[in-house]
Amino acid sequence: MTRLQRQLLLYDSAVTSEPQPSGTVLRNADCGILRYRKQAARAGVVLTFSSPCPYCQELNTAIAARYVESDVTVSCEQAGDGCTWRAESPHVDGEDAAGSPHRARAGD
């Protein structure tokens, strides 16, 4: 979730991260990527697709599937000009329930 949060912050998105008992919730209340595209369209830029959201969701879900623990479920709900991402694990045992975005390797 940290990588996604940093990506959204590059576009000056209104992003907050909230730890939950089952994992992490990343709220993007005002997506800077959408705002940037709307400004570009108003300036006359021809956009190749109507919304970046489906691409962003597919890309970041695939990245999460590769780098978070196998029992962590990553989901995204779109709402208005933002979205809410969740990384949740059914196991709440005091460990990092959201899983690590960077799996430790032997010797790390």
PDB file of N, CA and C in Angstrom:
ATOM      1  N   MET A   1       0.819  -1.187   0.000  1.00  0.00           N
ATOM      2  CA  MET A   1       0.000   0.000   0.000  1.00  0.00           C
ATOM      3  C   MET A   1       0.876   1.269   0.000  1.00  0.00           C
ATOM      4  N   THR A   2       2.078   1.139   0.527  1.00  0.00           N
ATOM      5  CA  THR A   2       2.974   2.289   0.579  1.00  0.00           C
ATOM      6  C   THR A   2       3.337   2.764  -0.816  1.00  0.00           C
ATOM      7  N   ARG A   3       3.613   1.827  -1.730  1.00  0.00           N
ATOM      8  CA  ARG A   3       3.969   2.196  -3.098  1.00  0.00           C
ATOM      9  C   ARG A   3       2.812   2.935  -3.764  1.00  0.00           C
ATOM     10  N   LEU A   4       1.615   2.428  -3.612  1.00  0.00           N
ATOM     11  CA  LEU A   4       0.433   3.069  -4.200  1.00  0.00           C
ATOM     12  C   LEU A   4       0.219   4.454  -3.584  1.00  0.00           C
ATOM     13  N   GLN A   5       0.362   4.560  -2.276  1.00  0.00           N
ATOM     14  CA  GLN A   5       0.197   5.855  -1.618  1.00  0.00           C
ATOM     15  C   GLN A   5       1.197   6.862  -2.169  1.00  0.00           C
ATOM     16  N   ARG A   6       2.450   6.453  -2.324  1.00  0.00           N
ATOM     17  CA  ARG A   6       3.469   7.364  -2.867  1.00  0.00           C
ATOM     18  C   ARG A   6       3.147   7.777  -4.306  1.00  0.00           C
ATOM     19  N   GLN A   7       2.658   6.833  -5.093  1.00  0.00           N
ATOM     20  CA  GLN A   7       2.284   7.141  -6.475  1.00  0.00           C
ATOM     21  C   GLN A   7       1.184   8.198  -6.497  1.00  0.00           C
ATOM     22  N   LEU A   8       0.173   8.019  -5.671  1.00  0.00           N
ATOM     23  CA  LEU A   8      -0.932   8.973  -5.634  1.00  0.00           C
ATOM     24  C   LEU A   8      -0.485  10.336  -5.112  1.00  0.00           C
ATOM     25  N   LEU A   9       0.428  10.346  -4.173  1.00  0.00           N
ATOM     26  CA  LEU A   9       0.926  11.612  -3.640  1.00  0.00           C
ATOM     27  C   LEU A   9       1.736  12.389  -4.669  1.00  0.00           C
ATOM     28  N   LEU A  10       2.342  11.684  -5.631  1.00  0.00           N
ATOM     29  CA  LEU A  10       3.062  12.372  -6.707  1.00  0.00           C
ATOM     30  C   LEU A  10       2.132  13.290  -7.504  1.00  0.00           C
ATOM     31  N   TYR A  11       0.851  12.937  -7.548  1.00  0.00           N
ATOM     32  CA  TYR A  11      -0.147  13.735  -8.257  1.00  0.00           C
ATOM     33  C   TYR A  11      -0.944  14.617  -7.301  1.00  0.00           C
ATOM     34  N   ASP A  12      -0.440  14.802  -6.076  1.00  0.00           N
ATOM     35  CA  ASP A  12      -1.079  15.639  -5.072  1.00  0.00           C
ATOM     36  C   ASP A  12      -2.488  15.168  -4.733  1.00  0.00           C
ATOM     37  N   SER A  13      -2.653  13.853  -4.644  1.00  0.00           N
ATOM     38  CA  SER A  13      -3.938  13.276  -4.239  1.00  0.00           C
ATOM     39  C   SER A  13      -4.132  13.462  -2.740  1.00  0.00           C
ATOM     40  N   ALA A  14      -5.372  13.497  -2.310  1.00  0.00           N
ATOM     41  CA  ALA A  14      -5.709  13.576  -0.883  1.00  0.00           C
ATOM     42  C   ALA A  14      -5.800  12.154  -0.343  1.00  0.00           C
ATOM     43  N   VAL A  15      -4.676  11.626   0.139  1.00  0.00           N
ATOM     44  CA  VAL A  15      -4.571  10.218   0.524  1.00  0.00           C
ATOM     45  C   VAL A  15      -4.298  10.093   2.021  1.00  0.00           C
ATOM     46  N   THR A  16      -5.005   9.170   2.655  1.00  0.00           N
ATOM     47  CA  THR A  16      -4.729   8.815   4.042  1.00  0.00           C
ATOM     48  C   THR A  16      -4.643   7.301   4.151  1.00  0.00           C
ATOM     49  N   SER A  17      -3.821   6.847   5.075  1.00  0.00           N
ATOM     50  CA  SER A  17      -3.667   5.417   5.327  1.00  0.00           C
ATOM     51  C   SER A  17      -4.112   5.151   6.759  1.00  0.00           C
ATOM     52  N   GLU A  18      -4.981   4.171   6.922  1.00  0.00           N
ATOM     53  CA  GLU A  18      -5.534   3.869   8.234  1.00  0.00           C
ATOM     54  C   GLU A  18      -5.314   2.403   8.571  1.00  0.00           C
ATOM     55  N   PRO A  19      -4.538   2.120   9.607  1.00  0.00           N
ATOM     56  CA  PRO A  19      -4.394   0.731  10.034  1.00  0.00           C
ATOM     57  C   PRO A  19      -5.712   0.242  10.633  1.00  0.00           C
ATOM     58  N   GLN A  20      -6.079  -0.958  10.299  1.00  0.00           N
ATOM     59  CA  GLN A  20      -7.288  -1.596  10.810  1.00  0.00           C
ATOM     60  C   GLN A  20      -6.885  -2.935  11.422  1.00  0.00           C
ATOM     61  N   PRO A  21      -7.726  -3.518  12.267  1.00  0.00           N
ATOM     62  CA  PRO A  21      -7.378  -4.823  12.842  1.00  0.00           C
ATOM     63  C   PRO A  21      -7.111  -5.899  11.781  1.00  0.00           C
ATOM     64  N   SER A  22      -7.793  -5.811  10.652  1.00  0.00           N
ATOM     65  CA  SER A  22      -7.631  -6.834   9.614  1.00  0.00           C
ATOM     66  C   SER A  22      -6.624  -6.451   8.534  1.00  0.00           C
ATOM     67  N   GLY A  23      -6.069  -5.236   8.601  1.00  0.00           N
ATOM     68  CA  GLY A  23      -5.119  -4.820   7.573  1.00  0.00           C
ATOM     69  C   GLY A  23      -5.005  -3.316   7.480  1.00  0.00           C
ATOM     70  N   THR A  24      -4.951  -2.815   6.244  1.00  0.00           N
ATOM     71  CA  THR A  24      -4.766  -1.385   6.006  1.00  0.00           C
ATOM     72  C   THR A  24      -5.831  -0.884   5.043  1.00  0.00           C
ATOM     73  N   VAL A  25      -6.320   0.325   5.301  1.00  0.00           N
ATOM     74  CA  VAL A  25      -7.250   0.996   4.400  1.00  0.00           C
ATOM     75  C   VAL A  25      -6.559   2.253   3.901  1.00  0.00           C
ATOM     76  N   LEU A  26      -6.496   2.402   2.585  1.00  0.00           N
ATOM     77  CA  LEU A  26      -5.908   3.578   1.950  1.00  0.00           C
ATOM     78  C   LEU A  26      -7.037   4.339   1.273  1.00  0.00           C
ATOM     79  N   ARG A  27      -7.322   5.538   1.780  1.00  0.00           N
ATOM     80  CA  ARG A  27      -8.411   6.348   1.232  1.00  0.00           C
ATOM     81  C   ARG A  27      -7.834   7.453   0.362  1.00  0.00           C
ATOM     82  N   ASN A  28      -8.299   7.483  -0.873  1.00  0.00           N
ATOM     83  CA  ASN A  28      -7.909   8.504  -1.844  1.00  0.00           C
ATOM     84  C   ASN A  28      -9.151   9.360  -2.084  1.00  0.00           C
ATOM     85  N   ALA A  29      -9.321  10.392  -1.267  1.00  0.00           N
ATOM     86  CA  ALA A  29     -10.542  11.195  -1.300  1.00  0.00           C
ATOM     87  C   ALA A  29     -10.650  12.066  -2.540  1.00  0.00           C
ATOM     88  N   ASP A  30      -9.508  12.498  -3.073  1.00  0.00           N
ATOM     89  CA  ASP A  30      -9.499  13.362  -4.257  1.00  0.00           C
ATOM     90  C   ASP A  30      -8.291  12.963  -5.099  1.00  0.00           C
ATOM     91  N   CYS A  31      -8.529  12.187  -6.139  1.00  0.00           N
ATOM     92  CA  CYS A  31      -7.452  11.616  -6.947  1.00  0.00           C
ATOM     93  C   CYS A  31      -6.802  12.668  -7.846  1.00  0.00           C
ATOM     94  N   GLY A  32      -5.533  12.895  -7.621  1.00  0.00           N
ATOM     95  CA  GLY A  32      -4.785  13.844  -8.427  1.00  0.00           C
ATOM     96  C   GLY A  32      -4.634  13.402  -9.867  1.00  0.00           C
ATOM     97  N   ILE A  33      -4.629  12.104 -10.111  1.00  0.00           N
ATOM     98  CA  ILE A  33      -4.530  11.601 -11.490  1.00  0.00           C
ATOM     99  C   ILE A  33      -5.786  11.996 -12.261  1.00  0.00           C
ATOM    100  N   LEU A  34      -6.961  11.805 -11.646  1.00  0.00           N
ATOM    101  CA  LEU A  34      -8.209  12.226 -12.302  1.00  0.00           C
ATOM    102  C   LEU A  34      -8.240  13.736 -12.495  1.00  0.00           C
ATOM    103  N   ARG A  35      -7.817  14.482 -11.487  1.00  0.00           N
ATOM    104  CA  ARG A  35      -7.810  15.945 -11.578  1.00  0.00           C
ATOM    105  C   ARG A  35      -6.897  16.417 -12.714  1.00  0.00           C
ATOM    106  N   TYR A  36      -5.719  15.820 -12.809  1.00  0.00           N
ATOM    107  CA  TYR A  36      -4.764  16.149 -13.871  1.00  0.00           C
ATOM    108  C   TYR A  36      -5.377  15.889 -15.248  1.00  0.00           C
ATOM    109  N   ARG A  37      -6.045  14.748 -15.392  1.00  0.00           N
ATOM    110  CA  ARG A  37      -6.656  14.406 -16.681  1.00  0.00           C
ATOM    111  C   ARG A  37      -7.807  15.351 -17.027  1.00  0.00           C
ATOM    112  N   LYS A  38      -8.592  15.734 -16.035  1.00  0.00           N
ATOM    113  CA  LYS A  38      -9.693  16.671 -16.285  1.00  0.00           C
ATOM    114  C   LYS A  38      -9.152  18.024 -16.736  1.00  0.00           C
ATOM    115  N   GLN A  39      -8.074  18.471 -16.105  1.00  0.00           N
ATOM    116  CA  GLN A  39      -7.450  19.741 -16.508  1.00  0.00           C
ATOM    117  C   GLN A  39      -6.908  19.643 -17.926  1.00  0.00           C
ATOM    118  N   ALA A  40      -6.296  18.522 -18.250  1.00  0.00           N
ATOM    119  CA  ALA A  40      -5.747  18.329 -19.599  1.00  0.00           C
ATOM    120  C   ALA A  40      -6.867  18.333 -20.632  1.00  0.00           C
ATOM    121  N   ALA A  41      -7.974  17.674 -20.338  1.00  0.00           N
ATOM    122  CA  ALA A  41      -9.105  17.640 -21.270  1.00  0.00           C
ATOM    123  C   ALA A  41      -9.674  19.046 -21.484  1.00  0.00           C
ATOM    124  N   ARG A  42      -9.783  19.826 -20.402  1.00  0.00           N
ATOM    125  CA  ARG A  42     -10.273  21.210 -20.530  1.00  0.00           C
ATOM    126  C   ARG A  42      -9.322  22.060 -21.369  1.00  0.00           C
ATOM    127  N   ALA A  43      -8.042  21.711 -21.352  1.00  0.00           N
ATOM    128  CA  ALA A  43      -7.044  22.452 -22.133  1.00  0.00           C
ATOM    129  C   ALA A  43      -6.984  21.984 -23.582  1.00  0.00           C
ATOM    130  N   GLY A  44      -7.821  21.000 -23.939  1.00  0.00           N
ATOM    131  CA  GLY A  44      -7.886  20.536 -25.316  1.00  0.00           C
ATOM    132  C   GLY A  44      -7.075  19.296 -25.629  1.00  0.00           C
ATOM    133  N   VAL A  45      -6.464  18.698 -24.645  1.00  0.00           N
ATOM    134  CA  VAL A  45      -5.705  17.467 -24.873  1.00  0.00           C
ATOM    135  C   VAL A  45      -6.686  16.339 -25.159  1.00  0.00           C
ATOM    136  N   VAL A  46      -6.439  15.600 -26.235  1.00  0.00           N
ATOM    137  CA  VAL A  46      -7.277  14.455 -26.572  1.00  0.00           C
ATOM    138  C   VAL A  46      -6.786  13.264 -25.752  1.00  0.00           C
ATOM    139  N   LEU A  47      -7.672  12.741 -24.895  1.00  0.00           N
ATOM    140  CA  LEU A  47      -7.314  11.626 -24.026  1.00  0.00           C
ATOM    141  C   LEU A  47      -7.607  10.305 -24.731  1.00  0.00           C
ATOM    142  N   THR A  48      -6.726   9.333 -24.527  1.00  0.00           N
ATOM    143  CA  THR A  48      -6.864   8.057 -25.232  1.00  0.00           C
ATOM    144  C   THR A  48      -7.917   7.145 -24.614  1.00  0.00           C
ATOM    145  N   PHE A  49      -8.238   7.339 -23.346  1.00  0.00           N
ATOM    146  CA  PHE A  49      -9.317   6.573 -22.737  1.00  0.00           C
ATOM    147  C   PHE A  49     -10.033   7.475 -21.746  1.00  0.00           C
ATOM    148  N   SER A  50     -11.284   7.187 -21.479  1.00  0.00           N
ATOM    149  CA  SER A  50     -12.116   8.106 -20.710  1.00  0.00           C
ATOM    150  C   SER A  50     -11.738   8.203 -19.239  1.00  0.00           C
ATOM    151  N   SER A  51     -11.234   7.130 -18.662  1.00  0.00           N
ATOM    152  CA  SER A  51     -10.901   7.150 -17.239  1.00  0.00           C
ATOM    153  C   SER A  51      -9.666   6.293 -16.985  1.00  0.00           C
ATOM    154  N   PRO A  52      -8.766   6.763 -16.127  1.00  0.00           N
ATOM    155  CA  PRO A  52      -7.600   5.955 -15.780  1.00  0.00           C
ATOM    156  C   PRO A  52      -7.918   4.915 -14.704  1.00  0.00           C
ATOM    157  N   CYS A  53      -9.097   4.974 -14.112  1.00  0.00           N
ATOM    158  CA  CYS A  53      -9.418   4.136 -12.959  1.00  0.00           C
ATOM    159  C   CYS A  53      -9.341   2.628 -13.233  1.00  0.00           C
ATOM    160  N   PRO A  54      -9.960   2.105 -14.294  1.00  0.00           N
ATOM    161  CA  PRO A  54      -9.850   0.665 -14.523  1.00  0.00           C
ATOM    162  C   PRO A  54      -8.395   0.204 -14.691  1.00  0.00           C
ATOM    163  N   TYR A  55      -7.596   0.983 -15.409  1.00  0.00           N
ATOM    164  CA  TYR A  55      -6.181   0.636 -15.587  1.00  0.00           C
ATOM    165  C   TYR A  55      -5.454   0.674 -14.245  1.00  0.00           C
ATOM    166  N   CYS A  56      -5.659   1.738 -13.478  1.00  0.00           N
ATOM    167  CA  CYS A  56      -5.010   1.893 -12.174  1.00  0.00           C
ATOM    168  C   CYS A  56      -5.379   0.728 -11.251  1.00  0.00           C
ATOM    169  N   GLN A  57      -6.654   0.390 -11.212  1.00  0.00           N
ATOM    170  CA  GLN A  57      -7.107  -0.708 -10.350  1.00  0.00           C
ATOM    171  C   GLN A  57      -6.494  -2.040 -10.773  1.00  0.00           C
ATOM    172  N   GLU A  58      -6.505  -2.321 -12.061  1.00  0.00           N
ATOM    173  CA  GLU A  58      -5.944  -3.582 -12.556  1.00  0.00           C
ATOM    174  C   GLU A  58      -4.442  -3.650 -12.285  1.00  0.00           C
ATOM    175  N   LEU A  59      -3.737  -2.566 -12.584  1.00  0.00           N
ATOM    176  CA  LEU A  59      -2.298  -2.526 -12.385  1.00  0.00           C
ATOM    177  C   LEU A  59      -1.927  -2.709 -10.911  1.00  0.00           C
ATOM    178  N   ASN A  60      -2.548  -1.934 -10.030  1.00  0.00           N
ATOM    179  CA  ASN A  60      -2.169  -1.979  -8.626  1.00  0.00           C
ATOM    180  C   ASN A  60      -2.638  -3.241  -7.924  1.00  0.00           C
ATOM    181  N   THR A  61      -3.718  -3.836  -8.384  1.00  0.00           N
ATOM    182  CA  THR A  61      -4.135  -5.132  -7.847  1.00  0.00           C
ATOM    183  C   THR A  61      -3.134  -6.208  -8.260  1.00  0.00           C
ATOM    184  N   ALA A  62      -2.662  -6.163  -9.496  1.00  0.00           N
ATOM    185  CA  ALA A  62      -1.667  -7.136  -9.966  1.00  0.00           C
ATOM    186  C   ALA A  62      -0.340  -6.973  -9.221  1.00  0.00           C
ATOM    187  N   ILE A  63       0.072  -5.740  -8.990  1.00  0.00           N
ATOM    188  CA  ILE A  63       1.306  -5.495  -8.235  1.00  0.00           C
ATOM    189  C   ILE A  63       1.154  -6.046  -6.821  1.00  0.00           C
ATOM    190  N   ALA A  64       0.026  -5.773  -6.187  1.00  0.00           N
ATOM    191  CA  ALA A  64      -0.212  -6.266  -4.831  1.00  0.00           C
ATOM    192  C   ALA A  64      -0.221  -7.790  -4.789  1.00  0.00           C
ATOM    193  N   ALA A  65      -0.827  -8.417  -5.792  1.00  0.00           N
ATOM    194  CA  ALA A  65      -0.871  -9.886  -5.825  1.00  0.00           C
ATOM    195  C   ALA A  65       0.535 -10.466  -5.881  1.00  0.00           C
ATOM    196  N   ARG A  66       1.444  -9.745  -6.476  1.00  0.00           N
ATOM    197  CA  ARG A  66       2.824 -10.217  -6.599  1.00  0.00           C
ATOM    198  C   ARG A  66       3.626 -10.018  -5.317  1.00  0.00           C
ATOM    199  N   TYR A  67       3.352  -8.931  -4.594  1.00  0.00           N
ATOM    200  CA  TYR A  67       4.238  -8.552  -3.497  1.00  0.00           C
ATOM    201  C   TYR A  67       3.683  -8.682  -2.079  1.00  0.00           C
ATOM    202  N   VAL A  68       2.389  -8.871  -1.905  1.00  0.00           N
ATOM    203  CA  VAL A  68       1.876  -9.051  -0.547  1.00  0.00           C
ATOM    204  C   VAL A  68       1.746 -10.541  -0.247  1.00  0.00           C
ATOM    205  N   GLU A  69       1.588 -10.860   1.012  1.00  0.00           N
ATOM    206  CA  GLU A  69       1.466 -12.253   1.422  1.00  0.00           C
ATOM    207  C   GLU A  69       0.236 -12.883   0.779  1.00  0.00           C
ATOM    208  N   SER A  70       0.287 -14.189   0.597  1.00  0.00           N
ATOM    209  CA  SER A  70      -0.762 -14.888  -0.153  1.00  0.00           C
ATOM    210  C   SER A  70      -2.127 -14.855   0.526  1.00  0.00           C
ATOM    211  N   ASP A  71      -2.177 -14.671   1.842  1.00  0.00           N
ATOM    212  CA  ASP A  71      -3.479 -14.644   2.514  1.00  0.00           C
ATOM    213  C   ASP A  71      -4.081 -13.237   2.582  1.00  0.00           C
ATOM    214  N   VAL A  72      -3.429 -12.255   1.992  1.00  0.00           N
ATOM    215  CA  VAL A  72      -3.924 -10.878   1.998  1.00  0.00           C
ATOM    216  C   VAL A  72      -4.777 -10.642   0.753  1.00  0.00           C
ATOM    217  N   THR A  73      -5.953 -10.110   0.965  1.00  0.00           N
ATOM    218  CA  THR A  73      -6.852  -9.756  -0.131  1.00  0.00           C
ATOM    219  C   THR A  73      -6.784  -8.258  -0.351  1.00  0.00           C
ATOM    220  N   VAL A  74      -6.538  -7.849  -1.593  1.00  0.00           N
ATOM    221  CA  VAL A  74      -6.473  -6.437  -1.939  1.00  0.00           C
ATOM    222  C   VAL A  74      -7.693  -6.112  -2.798  1.00  0.00           C
ATOM    223  N   SER A  75      -8.386  -5.053  -2.418  1.00  0.00           N
ATOM    224  CA  SER A  75      -9.575  -4.654  -3.169  1.00  0.00           C
ATOM    225  C   SER A  75      -9.623  -3.137  -3.289  1.00  0.00           C
ATOM    226  N   CYS A  76     -10.418  -2.672  -4.247  1.00  0.00           N
ATOM    227  CA  CYS A  76     -10.570  -1.240  -4.480  1.00  0.00           C
ATOM    228  C   CYS A  76     -12.029  -0.930  -4.757  1.00  0.00           C
ATOM    229  N   GLU A  77     -12.520   0.126  -4.116  1.00  0.00           N
ATOM    230  CA  GLU A  77     -13.869   0.618  -4.355  1.00  0.00           C
ATOM    231  C   GLU A  77     -13.757   2.057  -4.841  1.00  0.00           C
ATOM    232  N   GLN A  78     -14.351   2.332  -5.973  1.00  0.00           N
ATOM    233  CA  GLN A  78     -14.310   3.676  -6.530  1.00  0.00           C
ATOM    234  C   GLN A  78     -15.505   4.472  -6.028  1.00  0.00           C
ATOM    235  N   ALA A  79     -15.271   5.751  -5.706  1.00  0.00           N
ATOM    236  CA  ALA A  79     -16.348   6.623  -5.238  1.00  0.00           C
ATOM    237  C   ALA A  79     -16.038   8.049  -5.654  1.00  0.00           C
ATOM    238  N   GLY A  80     -16.861   8.608  -6.505  1.00  0.00           N
ATOM    239  CA  GLY A  80     -16.666   9.985  -6.949  1.00  0.00           C
ATOM    240  C   GLY A  80     -15.325  10.175  -7.626  1.00  0.00           C
ATOM    241  N   ASP A  81     -14.557  11.144  -7.154  1.00  0.00           N
ATOM    242  CA  ASP A  81     -13.232  11.420  -7.719  1.00  0.00           C
ATOM    243  C   ASP A  81     -12.124  10.773  -6.900  1.00  0.00           C
ATOM    244  N   GLY A  82     -12.436   9.686  -6.245  1.00  0.00           N
ATOM    245  CA  GLY A  82     -11.447   8.986  -5.438  1.00  0.00           C
ATOM    246  C   GLY A  82     -11.755   7.507  -5.348  1.00  0.00           C
ATOM    247  N   CYS A  83     -11.041   6.852  -4.454  1.00  0.00           N
ATOM    248  CA  CYS A  83     -11.232   5.415  -4.274  1.00  0.00           C
ATOM    249  C   CYS A  83     -10.715   5.011  -2.897  1.00  0.00           C
ATOM    250  N   THR A  84     -11.098   3.832  -2.484  1.00  0.00           N
ATOM    251  CA  THR A  84     -10.637   3.267  -1.219  1.00  0.00           C
ATOM    252  C   THR A  84     -10.051   1.897  -1.500  1.00  0.00           C
ATOM    253  N   TRP A  85      -8.802   1.728  -1.110  1.00  0.00           N
ATOM    254  CA  TRP A  85      -8.096   0.465  -1.254  1.00  0.00           C
ATOM    255  C   TRP A  85      -8.017  -0.220   0.098  1.00  0.00           C
ATOM    256  N   ARG A  86      -8.178  -1.539   0.103  1.00  0.00           N
ATOM    257  CA  ARG A  86      -8.074  -2.323   1.328  1.00  0.00           C
ATOM    258  C   ARG A  86      -7.118  -3.492   1.101  1.00  0.00           C
ATOM    259  N   ALA A  87      -6.244  -3.690   2.064  1.00  0.00           N
ATOM    260  CA  ALA A  87      -5.386  -4.878   2.099  1.00  0.00           C
ATOM    261  C   ALA A  87      -5.724  -5.567   3.406  1.00  0.00           C
ATOM    262  N   GLU A  88      -6.436  -6.696   3.313  1.00  0.00           N
ATOM    263  CA  GLU A  88      -6.959  -7.345   4.512  1.00  0.00           C
ATOM    264  C   GLU A  88      -6.563  -8.815   4.561  1.00  0.00           C
ATOM    265  N   SER A  89      -6.328  -9.257   5.777  1.00  0.00           N
ATOM    266  CA  SER A  89      -5.985 -10.653   6.018  1.00  0.00           C
ATOM    267  C   SER A  89      -6.999 -11.238   6.984  1.00  0.00           C
ATOM    268  N   PRO A  90      -7.393 -12.490   6.759  1.00  0.00           N
ATOM    269  CA  PRO A  90      -8.325 -13.112   7.703  1.00  0.00           C
ATOM    270  C   PRO A  90      -7.652 -13.441   9.037  1.00  0.00           C
ATOM    271  N   HIS A  91      -6.319 -13.417   9.069  1.00  0.00           N
ATOM    272  CA  HIS A  91      -5.577 -13.754  10.284  1.00  0.00           C
ATOM    273  C   HIS A  91      -5.172 -12.492  11.014  1.00  0.00           C
ATOM    274  N   VAL A  92      -5.733 -12.301  12.185  1.00  0.00           N
ATOM    275  CA  VAL A  92      -5.363 -11.158  13.006  1.00  0.00           C
ATOM    276  C   VAL A  92      -4.725 -11.732  14.265  1.00  0.00           C
ATOM    277  N   ASP A  93      -3.402 -11.893  14.216  1.00  0.00           N
ATOM    278  CA  ASP A  93      -2.715 -12.551  15.324  1.00  0.00           C
ATOM    279  C   ASP A  93      -1.588 -11.705  15.884  1.00  0.00           C
ATOM    280  N   GLY A  94      -1.671 -10.397  15.700  1.00  0.00           N
ATOM    281  CA  GLY A  94      -0.635  -9.529  16.224  1.00  0.00           C
ATOM    282  C   GLY A  94       0.483  -9.257  15.243  1.00  0.00           C
ATOM    283  N   GLU A  95       0.536 -10.000  14.158  1.00  0.00           N
ATOM    284  CA  GLU A  95       1.543  -9.731  13.136  1.00  0.00           C
ATOM    285  C   GLU A  95       1.005  -8.671  12.199  1.00  0.00           C
ATOM    286  N   ASP A  96       1.820  -8.229  11.265  1.00  0.00           N
ATOM    287  CA  ASP A  96       1.414  -7.225  10.287  1.00  0.00           C
ATOM    288  C   ASP A  96       0.338  -7.826   9.395  1.00  0.00           C
ATOM    289  N   ALA A  97      -0.920  -7.567   9.704  1.00  0.00           N
ATOM    290  CA  ALA A  97      -2.040  -8.182   9.002  1.00  0.00           C
ATOM    291  C   ALA A  97      -2.136  -7.756   7.556  1.00  0.00           C
ATOM    292  N   ALA A  98      -1.560  -6.625   7.216  1.00  0.00           N
ATOM    293  CA  ALA A  98      -1.644  -6.142   5.835  1.00  0.00           C
ATOM    294  C   ALA A  98      -0.612  -6.805   4.950  1.00  0.00           C
ATOM    295  N   GLY A  99       0.279  -7.566   5.514  1.00  0.00           N
ATOM    296  CA  GLY A  99       1.323  -8.185   4.709  1.00  0.00           C
ATOM    297  C   GLY A  99       2.380  -7.169   4.363  1.00  0.00           C
ATOM    298  N   SER A 100       3.522  -7.639   4.008  1.00  0.00           N
ATOM    299  CA  SER A 100       4.628  -6.747   3.677  1.00  0.00           C
ATOM    300  C   SER A 100       4.651  -6.475   2.183  1.00  0.00           C
ATOM    301  N   PRO A 101       4.801  -5.203   1.783  1.00  0.00           N
ATOM    302  CA  PRO A 101       4.911  -4.928   0.361  1.00  0.00           C
ATOM    303  C   PRO A 101       6.258  -5.401  -0.192  1.00  0.00           C
ATOM    304  N   HIS A 102       7.196  -5.705   0.692  1.00  0.00           N
ATOM    305  CA  HIS A 102       8.508  -6.188   0.290  1.00  0.00           C
ATOM    306  C   HIS A 102       8.820  -7.429   1.105  1.00  0.00           C
ATOM    307  N   ARG A 103       8.648  -8.567   0.539  1.00  0.00           N
ATOM    308  CA  ARG A 103       8.911  -9.801   1.270  1.00  0.00           C
ATOM    309  C   ARG A 103      10.375  -9.897   1.636  1.00  0.00           C
ATOM    310  N   ALA A 104      10.634 -10.345   2.826  1.00  0.00           N
ATOM    311  CA  ALA A 104      12.013 -10.508   3.257  1.00  0.00           C
ATOM    312  C   ALA A 104      12.628 -11.700   2.552  1.00  0.00           C
ATOM    313  N   ARG A 105      13.886 -11.560   2.229  1.00  0.00           N
ATOM    314  CA  ARG A 105      14.621 -12.640   1.589  1.00  0.00           C
ATOM    315  C   ARG A 105      15.577 -13.238   2.599  1.00  0.00           C
ATOM    316  N   ALA A 106      15.997 -14.445   2.374  1.00  0.00           N
ATOM    317  CA  ALA A 106      16.946 -15.071   3.267  1.00  0.00           C
ATOM    318  C   ALA A 106      18.161 -14.181   3.410  1.00  0.00           C
ATOM    319  N   GLY A 107      18.578 -13.963   4.648  1.00  0.00           N
ATOM    320  CA  GLY A 107      19.734 -13.124   4.886  1.00  0.00           C
ATOM    321  C   GLY A 107      19.403 -11.662   5.089  1.00  0.00           C
ATOM    322  N   ASP A 108      18.140 -11.252   4.878  1.00  0.00           N
ATOM    323  CA  ASP A 108      17.757  -9.838   5.067  1.00  0.00           C
ATOM    324  C   ASP A 108      17.556  -9.549   6.539  1.00  0.00           C
TER     325      ASP A 108
END
